[in-house]
């Protein structure tokens, strides 16, 4: 199980479980869940590359989130069946 740590607004690091990595067209996304709050909603972030070729995770707007969430749910349901 892959984990990532993100720094919050107070400078504390929060661990997340990577639930899925997926693509829609040419865009890559990651679905993550806080380790300490398993009952919380899943967060979906866009994966982009910085100037050095490292992955960075970027928030997405509501319209893109709606489209990506639907694709994620469909993919998740197909994997379950």
C-alpha atoms as a PDB file:
ATOM      1  CA  UNK A   1       0.000   0.000   0.000  1.00  0.00           C
ATOM      2  CA  UNK A   2       1.535   3.280  -1.128  1.00  0.00           C
ATOM      3  CA  UNK A   3       1.470   6.251   1.254  1.00  0.00           C
ATOM      4  CA  UNK A   4       2.181   9.950   0.804  1.00  0.00           C
ATOM      5  CA  UNK A   5       2.675  12.703   3.381  1.00  0.00           C
ATOM      6  CA  UNK A   6       1.407  16.253   2.866  1.00  0.00           C
ATOM      7  CA  UNK A   7       2.084  19.283   5.040  1.00  0.00           C
ATOM      8  CA  UNK A   8      -1.051  20.995   6.383  1.00  0.00           C
ATOM      9  CA  UNK A   9      -1.616  24.701   7.114  1.00  0.00           C
ATOM     10  CA  UNK A  10      -0.137  24.331  10.612  1.00  0.00           C
ATOM     11  CA  UNK A  11       3.101  22.739   9.347  1.00  0.00           C
ATOM     12  CA  UNK A  12       2.181  19.211  10.469  1.00  0.00           C
ATOM     13  CA  UNK A  13       2.576  16.277   8.125  1.00  0.00           C
ATOM     14  CA  UNK A  14      -0.512  14.177   7.399  1.00  0.00           C
ATOM     15  CA  UNK A  15      -0.211  10.676   5.918  1.00  0.00           C
ATOM     16  CA  UNK A  16      -2.485   9.589   3.085  1.00  0.00           C
ATOM     17  CA  UNK A  17      -3.133   6.183   1.530  1.00  0.00           C
ATOM     18  CA  UNK A  18      -3.034   6.135  -2.268  1.00  0.00           C
ATOM     19  CA  UNK A  19      -6.287   4.472  -3.314  1.00  0.00           C
ATOM     20  CA  UNK A  20      -5.769   4.832  -7.069  1.00  0.00           C
ATOM     21  CA  UNK A  21      -3.764   6.464  -9.822  1.00  0.00           C
ATOM     22  CA  UNK A  22      -5.593   6.897 -13.106  1.00  0.00           C
ATOM     23  CA  UNK A  23      -5.688   8.819 -16.379  1.00  0.00           C
ATOM     24  CA  UNK A  24      -8.426  10.620 -18.227  1.00  0.00           C
ATOM     25  CA  UNK A  25      -7.210  11.541 -21.682  1.00  0.00           C
ATOM     26  CA  UNK A  26      -3.729  12.996 -21.248  1.00  0.00           C
ATOM     27  CA  UNK A  27      -4.296  14.062 -17.633  1.00  0.00           C
ATOM     28  CA  UNK A  28      -3.172  11.985 -14.645  1.00  0.00           C
ATOM     29  CA  UNK A  29      -4.932  11.938 -11.271  1.00  0.00           C
ATOM     30  CA  UNK A  30      -4.461  10.420  -7.844  1.00  0.00           C
ATOM     31  CA  UNK A  31      -7.149   9.435  -5.318  1.00  0.00           C
ATOM     32  CA  UNK A  32      -5.997   9.603  -1.701  1.00  0.00           C
ATOM     33  CA  UNK A  33      -7.483   9.032   1.738  1.00  0.00           C
ATOM     34  CA  UNK A  34      -6.145  10.302   5.095  1.00  0.00           C
ATOM     35  CA  UNK A  35      -4.709   7.425   7.143  1.00  0.00           C
ATOM     36  CA  UNK A  36      -6.142   8.810  10.388  1.00  0.00           C
ATOM     37  CA  UNK A  37      -9.636   9.455   8.961  1.00  0.00           C
ATOM     38  CA  UNK A  38     -10.632   6.357   7.001  1.00  0.00           C
ATOM     39  CA  UNK A  39     -14.284   7.476   7.015  1.00  0.00           C
ATOM     40  CA  UNK A  40     -13.461  10.828   5.367  1.00  0.00           C
ATOM     41  CA  UNK A  41     -14.147  11.525   1.697  1.00  0.00           C
ATOM     42  CA  UNK A  42     -11.548  10.557  -0.881  1.00  0.00           C
ATOM     43  CA  UNK A  43      -9.463  13.454  -2.209  1.00  0.00           C
ATOM     44  CA  UNK A  44      -8.664  13.596  -5.916  1.00  0.00           C
ATOM     45  CA  UNK A  45      -5.712  15.647  -7.139  1.00  0.00           C
ATOM     46  CA  UNK A  46      -4.238  16.230 -10.583  1.00  0.00           C
ATOM     47  CA  UNK A  47      -0.694  14.976 -11.147  1.00  0.00           C
ATOM     48  CA  UNK A  48       1.579  17.382 -13.014  1.00  0.00           C
ATOM     49  CA  UNK A  49       5.324  17.679 -13.492  1.00  0.00           C
ATOM     50  CA  UNK A  50       7.456  20.517 -12.164  1.00  0.00           C
ATOM     51  CA  UNK A  51      10.399  22.061 -14.029  1.00  0.00           C
ATOM     52  CA  UNK A  52      12.712  19.328 -12.715  1.00  0.00           C
ATOM     53  CA  UNK A  53      10.476  16.457 -13.885  1.00  0.00           C
ATOM     54  CA  UNK A  54       9.151  15.662 -10.401  1.00  0.00           C
ATOM     55  CA  UNK A  55       5.497  14.878  -9.808  1.00  0.00           C
ATOM     56  CA  UNK A  56       3.477  17.577  -8.067  1.00  0.00           C
ATOM     57  CA  UNK A  57      -0.127  17.308  -6.934  1.00  0.00           C
ATOM     58  CA  UNK A  58      -2.519  20.115  -7.824  1.00  0.00           C
ATOM     59  CA  UNK A  59      -6.066  20.829  -6.691  1.00  0.00           C
ATOM     60  CA  UNK A  60      -8.752  20.932  -9.361  1.00  0.00           C
ATOM     61  CA  UNK A  61     -11.799  23.147  -9.820  1.00  0.00           C
ATOM     62  CA  UNK A  62     -15.353  21.977  -9.124  1.00  0.00           C
ATOM     63  CA  UNK A  63     -16.212  21.311 -12.765  1.00  0.00           C
ATOM     64  CA  UNK A  64     -13.143  19.149 -13.376  1.00  0.00           C
ATOM     65  CA  UNK A  65     -13.643  17.438 -10.002  1.00  0.00           C
ATOM     66  CA  UNK A  66     -17.182  16.435 -10.963  1.00  0.00           C
ATOM     67  CA  UNK A  67     -15.992  14.853 -14.224  1.00  0.00           C
ATOM     68  CA  UNK A  68     -12.990  13.144 -12.623  1.00  0.00           C
ATOM     69  CA  UNK A  69     -15.038  11.870  -9.660  1.00  0.00           C
ATOM     70  CA  UNK A  70     -17.534  10.228 -11.996  1.00  0.00           C
ATOM     71  CA  UNK A  71     -14.724   8.538 -13.942  1.00  0.00           C
ATOM     72  CA  UNK A  72     -13.094   7.386 -10.696  1.00  0.00           C
ATOM     73  CA  UNK A  73     -16.365   5.916  -9.376  1.00  0.00           C
ATOM     74  CA  UNK A  74     -16.977   4.083 -12.666  1.00  0.00           C
ATOM     75  CA  UNK A  75     -13.438   2.649 -12.652  1.00  0.00           C
ATOM     76  CA  UNK A  76     -13.778   1.652  -8.992  1.00  0.00           C
ATOM     77  CA  UNK A  77     -17.101  -0.113  -9.657  1.00  0.00           C
ATOM     78  CA  UNK A  78     -15.636  -1.983 -12.646  1.00  0.00           C
ATOM     79  CA  UNK A  79     -12.708  -3.209 -10.525  1.00  0.00           C
ATOM     80  CA  UNK A  80     -15.098  -4.507  -7.863  1.00  0.00           C
ATOM     81  CA  UNK A  81     -17.201  -6.546 -10.282  1.00  0.00           C
END
